[in-house]
Amino acid sequence: FLILPALVLLGGLSMQLAVGTSLAIIAINATSGFLRHFVALREIDRQPDFGVIAAFVAIGAVGAIAGNRLGSRLPQALLRQVFAVFLIAIAGLVLWRQIPLL
């Protein structure tokens, strides 16, 4: 969730271009992680659960399509504000969960 603000604030990209770019970065990262995990499983004669993988791919595809349709209909300023609130909420949740461990 930090890729998007970095692309917008530091990279100077528009929100729509930053969303597409971040999705490409996430896809590359996920693919490399999956391939490494797949190789590690094969080394111990195991296979990934392709049913779970298919479910995640389907949910991700539906989310991407819905986000694309919604994002193209909303103004960029509103998208930035909603995303900022989301980031603050996630940061608050992470902080709240980590404070007892300190």
PDB file of N, CA and C in Angstrom:
ATOM      1  N   PHE A   1       0.799  -1.200   0.000  1.00  0.00           N
ATOM      2  CA  PHE A   1       0.000   0.000   0.000  1.00  0.00           C
ATOM      3  C   PHE A   1       0.841   1.263   0.000  1.00  0.00           C
ATOM      4  N   LEU A   2       2.150   1.130   0.071  1.00  0.00           N
ATOM      5  CA  LEU A   2       3.018   2.309   0.010  1.00  0.00           C
ATOM      6  C   LEU A   2       3.519   2.598  -1.395  1.00  0.00           C
ATOM      7  N   ILE A   3       3.333   1.674  -2.309  1.00  0.00           N
ATOM      8  CA  ILE A   3       3.787   1.894  -3.676  1.00  0.00           C
ATOM      9  C   ILE A   3       3.019   3.042  -4.314  1.00  0.00           C
ATOM     10  N   LEU A   4       1.713   3.042  -4.134  1.00  0.00           N
ATOM     11  CA  LEU A   4       0.866   4.052  -4.771  1.00  0.00           C
ATOM     12  C   LEU A   4       1.214   5.474  -4.338  1.00  0.00           C
ATOM     13  N   PRO A   5       1.283   5.769  -3.042  1.00  0.00           N
ATOM     14  CA  PRO A   5       1.643   7.144  -2.680  1.00  0.00           C
ATOM     15  C   PRO A   5       3.056   7.523  -3.120  1.00  0.00           C
ATOM     16  N   ALA A   6       3.960   6.561  -3.130  1.00  0.00           N
ATOM     17  CA  ALA A   6       5.314   6.859  -3.590  1.00  0.00           C
ATOM     18  C   ALA A   6       5.315   7.241  -5.062  1.00  0.00           C
ATOM     19  N   LEU A   7       4.540   6.523  -5.867  1.00  0.00           N
ATOM     20  CA  LEU A   7       4.473   6.837  -7.295  1.00  0.00           C
ATOM     21  C   LEU A   7       3.818   8.196  -7.542  1.00  0.00           C
ATOM     22  N   VAL A   8       2.788   8.512  -6.758  1.00  0.00           N
ATOM     23  CA  VAL A   8       2.085   9.791  -6.941  1.00  0.00           C
ATOM     24  C   VAL A   8       2.932  10.945  -6.415  1.00  0.00           C
ATOM     25  N   LEU A   9       3.427  10.817  -5.180  1.00  0.00           N
ATOM     26  CA  LEU A   9       4.128  11.928  -4.547  1.00  0.00           C
ATOM     27  C   LEU A   9       5.572  12.073  -5.034  1.00  0.00           C
ATOM     28  N   LEU A  10       6.278  10.965  -5.123  1.00  0.00           N
ATOM     29  CA  LEU A  10       7.692  11.040  -5.494  1.00  0.00           C
ATOM     30  C   LEU A  10       7.910  10.917  -6.998  1.00  0.00           C
ATOM     31  N   GLY A  11       7.049  10.141  -7.646  1.00  0.00           N
ATOM     32  CA  GLY A  11       7.205   9.934  -9.082  1.00  0.00           C
ATOM     33  C   GLY A  11       6.456  10.939  -9.926  1.00  0.00           C
ATOM     34  N   GLY A  12       5.537  11.675  -9.311  1.00  0.00           N
ATOM     35  CA  GLY A  12       4.775  12.675 -10.045  1.00  0.00           C
ATOM     36  C   GLY A  12       3.769  12.098 -11.022  1.00  0.00           C
ATOM     37  N   LEU A  13       3.360  10.840 -10.815  1.00  0.00           N
ATOM     38  CA  LEU A  13       2.402  10.211 -11.723  1.00  0.00           C
ATOM     39  C   LEU A  13       0.972  10.604 -11.337  1.00  0.00           C
ATOM     40  N   SER A  14       0.082  10.578 -12.307  1.00  0.00           N
ATOM     41  CA  SER A  14      -1.333  10.774 -12.001  1.00  0.00           C
ATOM     42  C   SER A  14      -1.822   9.554 -11.241  1.00  0.00           C
ATOM     43  N   MET A  15      -2.945   9.698 -10.569  1.00  0.00           N
ATOM     44  CA  MET A  15      -3.475   8.597  -9.775  1.00  0.00           C
ATOM     45  C   MET A  15      -3.777   7.381 -10.656  1.00  0.00           C
ATOM     46  N   GLN A  16      -4.361   7.583 -11.815  1.00  0.00           N
ATOM     47  CA  GLN A  16      -4.692   6.456 -12.691  1.00  0.00           C
ATOM     48  C   GLN A  16      -3.436   5.737 -13.185  1.00  0.00           C
ATOM     49  N   LEU A  17      -2.430   6.502 -13.573  1.00  0.00           N
ATOM     50  CA  LEU A  17      -1.190   5.888 -14.041  1.00  0.00           C
ATOM     51  C   LEU A  17      -0.466   5.190 -12.890  1.00  0.00           C
ATOM     52  N   ALA A  18      -0.515   5.789 -11.707  1.00  0.00           N
ATOM     53  CA  ALA A  18       0.121   5.178 -10.537  1.00  0.00           C
ATOM     54  C   ALA A  18      -0.553   3.865 -10.162  1.00  0.00           C
ATOM     55  N   VAL A  19      -1.867   3.797 -10.273  1.00  0.00           N
ATOM     56  CA  VAL A  19      -2.588   2.559  -9.957  1.00  0.00           C
ATOM     57  C   VAL A  19      -2.163   1.454 -10.917  1.00  0.00           C
ATOM     58  N   GLY A  20      -2.140   1.738 -12.202  1.00  0.00           N
ATOM     59  CA  GLY A  20      -1.714   0.743 -13.179  1.00  0.00           C
ATOM     60  C   GLY A  20      -0.275   0.313 -12.979  1.00  0.00           C
ATOM     61  N   THR A  21       0.588   1.268 -12.701  1.00  0.00           N
ATOM     62  CA  THR A  21       1.999   0.959 -12.485  1.00  0.00           C
ATOM     63  C   THR A  21       2.186   0.122 -11.229  1.00  0.00           C
ATOM     64  N   SER A  22       1.481   0.474 -10.159  1.00  0.00           N
ATOM     65  CA  SER A  22       1.608  -0.293  -8.920  1.00  0.00           C
ATOM     66  C   SER A  22       1.085  -1.712  -9.106  1.00  0.00           C
ATOM     67  N   LEU A  23       0.019  -1.872  -9.886  1.00  0.00           N
ATOM     68  CA  LEU A  23      -0.481  -3.221 -10.142  1.00  0.00           C
ATOM     69  C   LEU A  23       0.538  -4.048 -10.917  1.00  0.00           C
ATOM     70  N   ALA A  24       1.230  -3.423 -11.853  1.00  0.00           N
ATOM     71  CA  ALA A  24       2.274  -4.133 -12.597  1.00  0.00           C
ATOM     72  C   ALA A  24       3.423  -4.531 -11.668  1.00  0.00           C
ATOM     73  N   ILE A  25       3.815  -3.625 -10.781  1.00  0.00           N
ATOM     74  CA  ILE A  25       4.886  -3.921  -9.820  1.00  0.00           C
ATOM     75  C   ILE A  25       4.466  -5.067  -8.904  1.00  0.00           C
ATOM     76  N   ILE A  26       3.234  -5.020  -8.417  1.00  0.00           N
ATOM     77  CA  ILE A  26       2.733  -6.073  -7.532  1.00  0.00           C
ATOM     78  C   ILE A  26       2.669  -7.411  -8.264  1.00  0.00           C
ATOM     79  N   ALA A  27       2.245  -7.397  -9.522  1.00  0.00           N
ATOM     80  CA  ALA A  27       2.175  -8.639 -10.301  1.00  0.00           C
ATOM     81  C   ALA A  27       3.559  -9.251 -10.496  1.00  0.00           C
ATOM     82  N   ILE A  28       4.540  -8.430 -10.790  1.00  0.00           N
ATOM     83  CA  ILE A  28       5.914  -8.922 -10.961  1.00  0.00           C
ATOM     84  C   ILE A  28       6.430  -9.499  -9.649  1.00  0.00           C
ATOM     85  N   ASN A  29       6.195  -8.788  -8.565  1.00  0.00           N
ATOM     86  CA  ASN A  29       6.641  -9.248  -7.252  1.00  0.00           C
ATOM     87  C   ASN A  29       5.949 -10.551  -6.860  1.00  0.00           C
ATOM     88  N   ALA A  30       4.643 -10.632  -7.080  1.00  0.00           N
ATOM     89  CA  ALA A  30       3.899 -11.840  -6.735  1.00  0.00           C
ATOM     90  C   ALA A  30       4.346 -13.027  -7.584  1.00  0.00           C
ATOM     91  N   THR A  31       4.592 -12.796  -8.861  1.00  0.00           N
ATOM     92  CA  THR A  31       5.039 -13.877  -9.743  1.00  0.00           C
ATOM     93  C   THR A  31       6.401 -14.407  -9.307  1.00  0.00           C
ATOM     94  N   SER A  32       7.318 -13.516  -8.990  1.00  0.00           N
ATOM     95  CA  SER A  32       8.639 -13.982  -8.558  1.00  0.00           C
ATOM     96  C   SER A  32       8.545 -14.731  -7.236  1.00  0.00           C
ATOM     97  N   GLY A  33       7.700 -14.253  -6.314  1.00  0.00           N
ATOM     98  CA  GLY A  33       7.513 -14.959  -5.049  1.00  0.00           C
ATOM     99  C   GLY A  33       6.878 -16.326  -5.254  1.00  0.00           C
ATOM    100  N   PHE A  34       5.881 -16.397  -6.129  1.00  0.00           N
ATOM    101  CA  PHE A  34       5.232 -17.682  -6.414  1.00  0.00           C
ATOM    102  C   PHE A  34       6.230 -18.666  -7.021  1.00  0.00           C
ATOM    103  N   LEU A  35       7.017 -18.214  -7.978  1.00  0.00           N
ATOM    104  CA  LEU A  35       7.971 -19.115  -8.615  1.00  0.00           C
ATOM    105  C   LEU A  35       8.987 -19.644  -7.618  1.00  0.00           C
ATOM    106  N   ARG A  36       9.463 -18.788  -6.736  1.00  0.00           N
ATOM    107  CA  ARG A  36      10.426 -19.232  -5.719  1.00  0.00           C
ATOM    108  C   ARG A  36       9.769 -20.233  -4.769  1.00  0.00           C
ATOM    109  N   HIS A  37       8.539 -19.950  -4.363  1.00  0.00           N
ATOM    110  CA  HIS A  37       7.818 -20.856  -3.473  1.00  0.00           C
ATOM    111  C   HIS A  37       7.555 -22.190  -4.175  1.00  0.00           C
ATOM    112  N   PHE A  38       7.204 -22.137  -5.444  1.00  0.00           N
ATOM    113  CA  PHE A  38       6.944 -23.349  -6.224  1.00  0.00           C
ATOM    114  C   PHE A  38       8.196 -24.222  -6.285  1.00  0.00           C
ATOM    115  N   VAL A  39       9.332 -23.604  -6.531  1.00  0.00           N
ATOM    116  CA  VAL A  39      10.595 -24.348  -6.582  1.00  0.00           C
ATOM    117  C   VAL A  39      10.909 -24.962  -5.218  1.00  0.00           C
ATOM    118  N   ALA A  40      10.688 -24.186  -4.151  1.00  0.00           N
ATOM    119  CA  ALA A  40      10.962 -24.696  -2.808  1.00  0.00           C
ATOM    120  C   ALA A  40      10.053 -25.880  -2.473  1.00  0.00           C
ATOM    121  N   LEU A  41       8.803 -25.826  -2.884  1.00  0.00           N
ATOM    122  CA  LEU A  41       7.892 -26.956  -2.647  1.00  0.00           C
ATOM    123  C   LEU A  41       8.312 -28.185  -3.431  1.00  0.00           C
ATOM    124  N   ARG A  42       8.743 -27.984  -4.663  1.00  0.00           N
ATOM    125  CA  ARG A  42       9.176 -29.130  -5.492  1.00  0.00           C
ATOM    126  C   ARG A  42      10.401 -29.807  -4.889  1.00  0.00           C
ATOM    127  N   GLU A  43      11.248 -29.023  -4.223  1.00  0.00           N
ATOM    128  CA  GLU A  43      12.449 -29.600  -3.607  1.00  0.00           C
ATOM    129  C   GLU A  43      12.092 -30.566  -2.486  1.00  0.00           C
ATOM    130  N   ILE A  44      10.920 -30.401  -1.881  1.00  0.00           N
ATOM    131  CA  ILE A  44      10.487 -31.315  -0.815  1.00  0.00           C
ATOM    132  C   ILE A  44       9.321 -32.194  -1.279  1.00  0.00           C
ATOM    133  N   ASP A  45       9.189 -32.336  -2.594  1.00  0.00           N
ATOM    134  CA  ASP A  45       8.159 -33.190  -3.213  1.00  0.00           C
ATOM    135  C   ASP A  45       6.739 -32.812  -2.801  1.00  0.00           C
ATOM    136  N   ARG A  46       6.449 -31.545  -2.836  1.00  0.00           N
ATOM    137  CA  ARG A  46       5.104 -31.047  -2.552  1.00  0.00           C
ATOM    138  C   ARG A  46       4.654 -30.157  -3.697  1.00  0.00           C
ATOM    139  N   GLN A  47       3.339 -29.868  -3.726  1.00  0.00           N
ATOM    140  CA  GLN A  47       2.784 -28.974  -4.736  1.00  0.00           C
ATOM    141  C   GLN A  47       1.915 -27.923  -4.064  1.00  0.00           C
ATOM    142  N   PRO A  48       1.822 -26.733  -4.674  1.00  0.00           N
ATOM    143  CA  PRO A  48       0.941 -25.717  -4.107  1.00  0.00           C
ATOM    144  C   PRO A  48      -0.525 -26.125  -4.259  1.00  0.00           C
ATOM    145  N   ASP A  49      -1.381 -25.552  -3.444  1.00  0.00           N
ATOM    146  CA  ASP A  49      -2.818 -25.794  -3.528  1.00  0.00           C
ATOM    147  C   ASP A  49      -3.376 -24.893  -4.630  1.00  0.00           C
ATOM    148  N   PHE A  50      -3.554 -25.471  -5.812  1.00  0.00           N
ATOM    149  CA  PHE A  50      -3.984 -24.681  -6.960  1.00  0.00           C
ATOM    150  C   PHE A  50      -5.416 -24.179  -6.820  1.00  0.00           C
ATOM    151  N   GLY A  51      -6.228 -24.826  -5.999  1.00  0.00           N
ATOM    152  CA  GLY A  51      -7.578 -24.326  -5.731  1.00  0.00           C
ATOM    153  C   GLY A  51      -7.546 -22.983  -5.008  1.00  0.00           C
ATOM    154  N   VAL A  52      -6.683 -22.882  -4.016  1.00  0.00           N
ATOM    155  CA  VAL A  52      -6.529 -21.619  -3.283  1.00  0.00           C
ATOM    156  C   VAL A  52      -5.964 -20.547  -4.206  1.00  0.00           C
ATOM    157  N   ILE A  53      -5.007 -20.919  -5.016  1.00  0.00           N
ATOM    158  CA  ILE A  53      -4.411 -19.966  -5.957  1.00  0.00           C
ATOM    159  C   ILE A  53      -5.468 -19.459  -6.931  1.00  0.00           C
ATOM    160  N   ALA A  54      -6.283 -20.362  -7.451  1.00  0.00           N
ATOM    161  CA  ALA A  54      -7.336 -19.968  -8.398  1.00  0.00           C
ATOM    162  C   ALA A  54      -8.337 -19.032  -7.733  1.00  0.00           C
ATOM    163  N   ALA A  55      -8.678 -19.300  -6.480  1.00  0.00           N
ATOM    164  CA  ALA A  55      -9.616 -18.436  -5.759  1.00  0.00           C
ATOM    165  C   ALA A  55      -9.041 -17.032  -5.603  1.00  0.00           C
ATOM    166  N   PHE A  56      -7.770 -16.932  -5.237  1.00  0.00           N
ATOM    167  CA  PHE A  56      -7.146 -15.620  -5.090  1.00  0.00           C
ATOM    168  C   PHE A  56      -7.061 -14.883  -6.427  1.00  0.00           C
ATOM    169  N   VAL A  57      -6.747 -15.605  -7.488  1.00  0.00           N
ATOM    170  CA  VAL A  57      -6.688 -14.982  -8.813  1.00  0.00           C
ATOM    171  C   VAL A  57      -8.060 -14.461  -9.217  1.00  0.00           C
ATOM    172  N   ALA A  58      -9.096 -15.254  -8.977  1.00  0.00           N
ATOM    173  CA  ALA A  58     -10.456 -14.833  -9.329  1.00  0.00           C
ATOM    174  C   ALA A  58     -10.893 -13.611  -8.528  1.00  0.00           C
ATOM    175  N   ILE A  59     -10.639 -13.632  -7.225  1.00  0.00           N
ATOM    176  CA  ILE A  59     -11.001 -12.483  -6.381  1.00  0.00           C
ATOM    177  C   ILE A  59     -10.223 -11.246  -6.809  1.00  0.00           C
ATOM    178  N   GLY A  60      -8.947 -11.419  -7.118  1.00  0.00           N
ATOM    179  CA  GLY A  60      -8.135 -10.296  -7.576  1.00  0.00           C
ATOM    180  C   GLY A  60      -8.619  -9.724  -8.893  1.00  0.00           C
ATOM    181  N   ALA A  61      -9.019 -10.605  -9.802  1.00  0.00           N
ATOM    182  CA  ALA A  61      -9.517 -10.147 -11.105  1.00  0.00           C
ATOM    183  C   ALA A  61     -10.814  -9.372 -10.947  1.00  0.00           C
ATOM    184  N   VAL A  62     -11.721  -9.885 -10.134  1.00  0.00           N
ATOM    185  CA  VAL A  62     -12.977  -9.176  -9.890  1.00  0.00           C
ATOM    186  C   VAL A  62     -12.703  -7.818  -9.240  1.00  0.00           C
ATOM    187  N   GLY A  63     -11.800  -7.793  -8.272  1.00  0.00           N
ATOM    188  CA  GLY A  63     -11.444  -6.531  -7.623  1.00  0.00           C
ATOM    189  C   GLY A  63     -10.810  -5.539  -8.585  1.00  0.00           C
ATOM    190  N   ALA A  64      -9.958  -6.027  -9.473  1.00  0.00           N
ATOM    191  CA  ALA A  64      -9.311  -5.151 -10.452  1.00  0.00           C
ATOM    192  C   ALA A  64     -10.332  -4.554 -11.417  1.00  0.00           C
ATOM    193  N   ILE A  65     -11.257  -5.378 -11.881  1.00  0.00           N
ATOM    194  CA  ILE A  65     -12.282  -4.887 -12.804  1.00  0.00           C
ATOM    195  C   ILE A  65     -13.188  -3.875 -12.113  1.00  0.00           C
ATOM    196  N   ALA A  66     -13.617  -4.201 -10.892  1.00  0.00           N
ATOM    197  CA  ALA A  66     -14.480  -3.277 -10.145  1.00  0.00           C
ATOM    198  C   ALA A  66     -13.740  -1.972  -9.836  1.00  0.00           C
ATOM    199  N   GLY A  67     -12.485  -2.080  -9.428  1.00  0.00           N
ATOM    200  CA  GLY A  67     -11.695  -0.884  -9.135  1.00  0.00           C
ATOM    201  C   GLY A  67     -11.470  -0.022 -10.361  1.00  0.00           C
ATOM    202  N   ASN A  68     -11.258  -0.651 -11.497  1.00  0.00           N
ATOM    203  CA  ASN A  68     -11.058   0.091 -12.733  1.00  0.00           C
ATOM    204  C   ASN A  68     -12.316   0.866 -13.111  1.00  0.00           C
ATOM    205  N   ARG A  69     -13.446   0.214 -13.019  1.00  0.00           N
ATOM    206  CA  ARG A  69     -14.703   0.884 -13.357  1.00  0.00           C
ATOM    207  C   ARG A  69     -15.014   2.012 -12.380  1.00  0.00           C
ATOM    208  N   LEU A  70     -14.812   1.747 -11.100  1.00  0.00           N
ATOM    209  CA  LEU A  70     -15.083   2.772 -10.098  1.00  0.00           C
ATOM    210  C   LEU A  70     -14.084   3.920 -10.205  1.00  0.00           C
ATOM    211  N   GLY A  71     -12.805   3.579 -10.394  1.00  0.00           N
ATOM    212  CA  GLY A  71     -11.764   4.599 -10.472  1.00  0.00           C
ATOM    213  C   GLY A  71     -11.901   5.521 -11.656  1.00  0.00           C
ATOM    214  N   SER A  72     -12.421   5.021 -12.757  1.00  0.00           N
ATOM    215  CA  SER A  72     -12.571   5.868 -13.936  1.00  0.00           C
ATOM    216  C   SER A  72     -13.761   6.813 -13.815  1.00  0.00           C
ATOM    217  N   ARG A  73     -14.654   6.555 -12.869  1.00  0.00           N
ATOM    218  CA  ARG A  73     -15.842   7.398 -12.697  1.00  0.00           C
ATOM    219  C   ARG A  73     -15.692   8.431 -11.594  1.00  0.00           C
ATOM    220  N   LEU A  74     -14.666   8.281 -10.758  1.00  0.00           N
ATOM    221  CA  LEU A  74     -14.490   9.205  -9.639  1.00  0.00           C
ATOM    222  C   LEU A  74     -13.367  10.191  -9.933  1.00  0.00           C
ATOM    223  N   PRO A  75     -13.472  11.419  -9.425  1.00  0.00           N
ATOM    224  CA  PRO A  75     -12.397  12.392  -9.627  1.00  0.00           C
ATOM    225  C   PRO A  75     -11.126  11.987  -8.876  1.00  0.00           C
ATOM    226  N   GLN A  76      -9.984  12.359  -9.434  1.00  0.00           N
ATOM    227  CA  GLN A  76      -8.702  11.996  -8.831  1.00  0.00           C
ATOM    228  C   GLN A  76      -8.555  12.552  -7.429  1.00  0.00           C
ATOM    229  N   ALA A  77      -9.070  13.753  -7.194  1.00  0.00           N
ATOM    230  CA  ALA A  77      -8.953  14.351  -5.857  1.00  0.00           C
ATOM    231  C   ALA A  77      -9.674  13.487  -4.819  1.00  0.00           C
ATOM    232  N   LEU A  78     -10.839  12.986  -5.159  1.00  0.00           N
ATOM    233  CA  LEU A  78     -11.583  12.126  -4.237  1.00  0.00           C
ATOM    234  C   LEU A  78     -10.843  10.805  -4.018  1.00  0.00           C
ATOM    235  N   LEU A  79     -10.290  10.242  -5.083  1.00  0.00           N
ATOM    236  CA  LEU A  79      -9.524   9.000  -4.945  1.00  0.00           C
ATOM    237  C   LEU A  79      -8.332   9.188  -4.019  1.00  0.00           C
ATOM    238  N   ARG A  80      -7.651  10.308  -4.144  1.00  0.00           N
ATOM    239  CA  ARG A  80      -6.509  10.592  -3.261  1.00  0.00           C
ATOM    240  C   ARG A  80      -6.952  10.712  -1.815  1.00  0.00           C
ATOM    241  N   GLN A  81      -8.069  11.393  -1.581  1.00  0.00           N
ATOM    242  CA  GLN A  81      -8.560  11.560  -0.222  1.00  0.00           C
ATOM    243  C   GLN A  81      -8.967  10.215   0.394  1.00  0.00           C
ATOM    244  N   VAL A  82      -9.682   9.414  -0.367  1.00  0.00           N
ATOM    245  CA  VAL A  82     -10.098   8.104   0.138  1.00  0.00           C
ATOM    246  C   VAL A  82      -8.885   7.243   0.421  1.00  0.00           C
ATOM    247  N   PHE A  83      -7.909   7.282  -0.467  1.00  0.00           N
ATOM    248  CA  PHE A  83      -6.699   6.484  -0.260  1.00  0.00           C
ATOM    249  C   PHE A  83      -5.917   6.980   0.945  1.00  0.00           C
ATOM    250  N   ALA A  84      -5.873   8.281   1.150  1.00  0.00           N
ATOM    251  CA  ALA A  84      -5.180   8.837   2.318  1.00  0.00           C
ATOM    252  C   ALA A  84      -5.846   8.372   3.610  1.00  0.00           C
ATOM    253  N   VAL A  85      -7.160   8.393   3.642  1.00  0.00           N
ATOM    254  CA  VAL A  85      -7.883   7.909   4.822  1.00  0.00           C
ATOM    255  C   VAL A  85      -7.593   6.428   5.042  1.00  0.00           C
ATOM    256  N   PHE A  86      -7.575   5.657   3.962  1.00  0.00           N
ATOM    257  CA  PHE A  86      -7.267   4.234   4.049  1.00  0.00           C
ATOM    258  C   PHE A  86      -5.862   4.011   4.620  1.00  0.00           C
ATOM    259  N   LEU A  87      -4.877   4.767   4.134  1.00  0.00           N
ATOM    260  CA  LEU A  87      -3.509   4.628   4.639  1.00  0.00           C
ATOM    261  C   LEU A  87      -3.418   4.961   6.112  1.00  0.00           C
ATOM    262  N   ILE A  88      -4.082   6.024   6.522  1.00  0.00           N
ATOM    263  CA  ILE A  88      -4.063   6.418   7.933  1.00  0.00           C
ATOM    264  C   ILE A  88      -4.726   5.340   8.793  1.00  0.00           C
ATOM    265  N   ALA A  89      -5.829   4.781   8.311  1.00  0.00           N
ATOM    266  CA  ALA A  89      -6.508   3.716   9.054  1.00  0.00           C
ATOM    267  C   ALA A  89      -5.619   2.483   9.186  1.00  0.00           C
ATOM    268  N   ILE A  90      -4.957   2.088   8.112  1.00  0.00           N
ATOM    269  CA  ILE A  90      -4.061   0.927   8.159  1.00  0.00           C
ATOM    270  C   ILE A  90      -2.890   1.200   9.090  1.00  0.00           C
ATOM    271  N   ALA A  91      -2.311   2.398   9.001  1.00  0.00           N
ATOM    272  CA  ALA A  91      -1.202   2.751   9.889  1.00  0.00           C
ATOM    273  C   ALA A  91      -1.646   2.712  11.349  1.00  0.00           C
ATOM    274  N   GLY A  92      -2.846   3.223  11.626  1.00  0.00           N
ATOM    275  CA  GLY A  92      -3.377   3.182  12.984  1.00  0.00           C
ATOM    276  C   GLY A  92      -3.577   1.758  13.479  1.00  0.00           C
ATOM    277  N   LEU A  93      -4.090   0.897  12.612  1.00  0.00           N
ATOM    278  CA  LEU A  93      -4.295  -0.504  12.978  1.00  0.00           C
ATOM    279  C   LEU A  93      -2.962  -1.201  13.270  1.00  0.00           C
ATOM    280  N   VAL A  94      -1.982  -0.977  12.424  1.00  0.00           N
ATOM    281  CA  VAL A  94      -0.661  -1.583  12.632  1.00  0.00           C
ATOM    282  C   VAL A  94      -0.061  -1.079  13.936  1.00  0.00           C
ATOM    283  N   LEU A  95      -0.148   0.221  14.182  1.00  0.00           N
ATOM    284  CA  LEU A  95       0.385   0.795  15.418  1.00  0.00           C
ATOM    285  C   LEU A  95      -0.327   0.220  16.637  1.00  0.00           C
ATOM    286  N   TRP A  96      -1.658   0.138  16.573  1.00  0.00           N
ATOM    287  CA  TRP A  96      -2.452  -0.385  17.684  1.00  0.00           C
ATOM    288  C   TRP A  96      -2.081  -1.831  18.006  1.00  0.00           C
ATOM    289  N   ARG A  97      -1.812  -2.608  16.958  1.00  0.00           N
ATOM    290  CA  ARG A  97      -1.444  -4.018  17.179  1.00  0.00           C
ATOM    291  C   ARG A  97      -0.013  -4.172  17.637  1.00  0.00           C
ATOM    292  N   GLN A  98       0.871  -3.226  17.344  1.00  0.00           N
ATOM    293  CA  GLN A  98       2.267  -3.359  17.699  1.00  0.00           C
ATOM    294  C   GLN A  98       2.615  -2.762  19.059  1.00  0.00           C
ATOM    295  N   ILE A  99       1.803  -1.830  19.545  1.00  0.00           N
ATOM    296  CA  ILE A  99       2.105  -1.174  20.820  1.00  0.00           C
ATOM    297  C   ILE A  99       2.249  -2.193  21.963  1.00  0.00           C
ATOM    298  N   PRO A 100       1.360  -3.169  22.092  1.00  0.00           N
ATOM    299  CA  PRO A 100       1.543  -4.138  23.194  1.00  0.00           C
ATOM    300  C   PRO A 100       2.858  -4.925  23.101  1.00  0.00           C
ATOM    301  N   LEU A 101       3.385  -5.080  21.912  1.00  0.00           N
ATOM    302  CA  LEU A 101       4.637  -5.837  21.756  1.00  0.00           C
ATOM    303  C   LEU A 101       5.860  -5.025  22.153  1.00  0.00           C
ATOM    304  N   LEU A 102       5.703  -3.716  22.239  1.00  0.00           N
ATOM    305  CA  LEU A 102       6.821  -2.865  22.620  1.00  0.00           C
ATOM    306  C   LEU A 102       6.989  -2.930  24.125  1.00  0.00           C
TER     307      LEU A 102
END
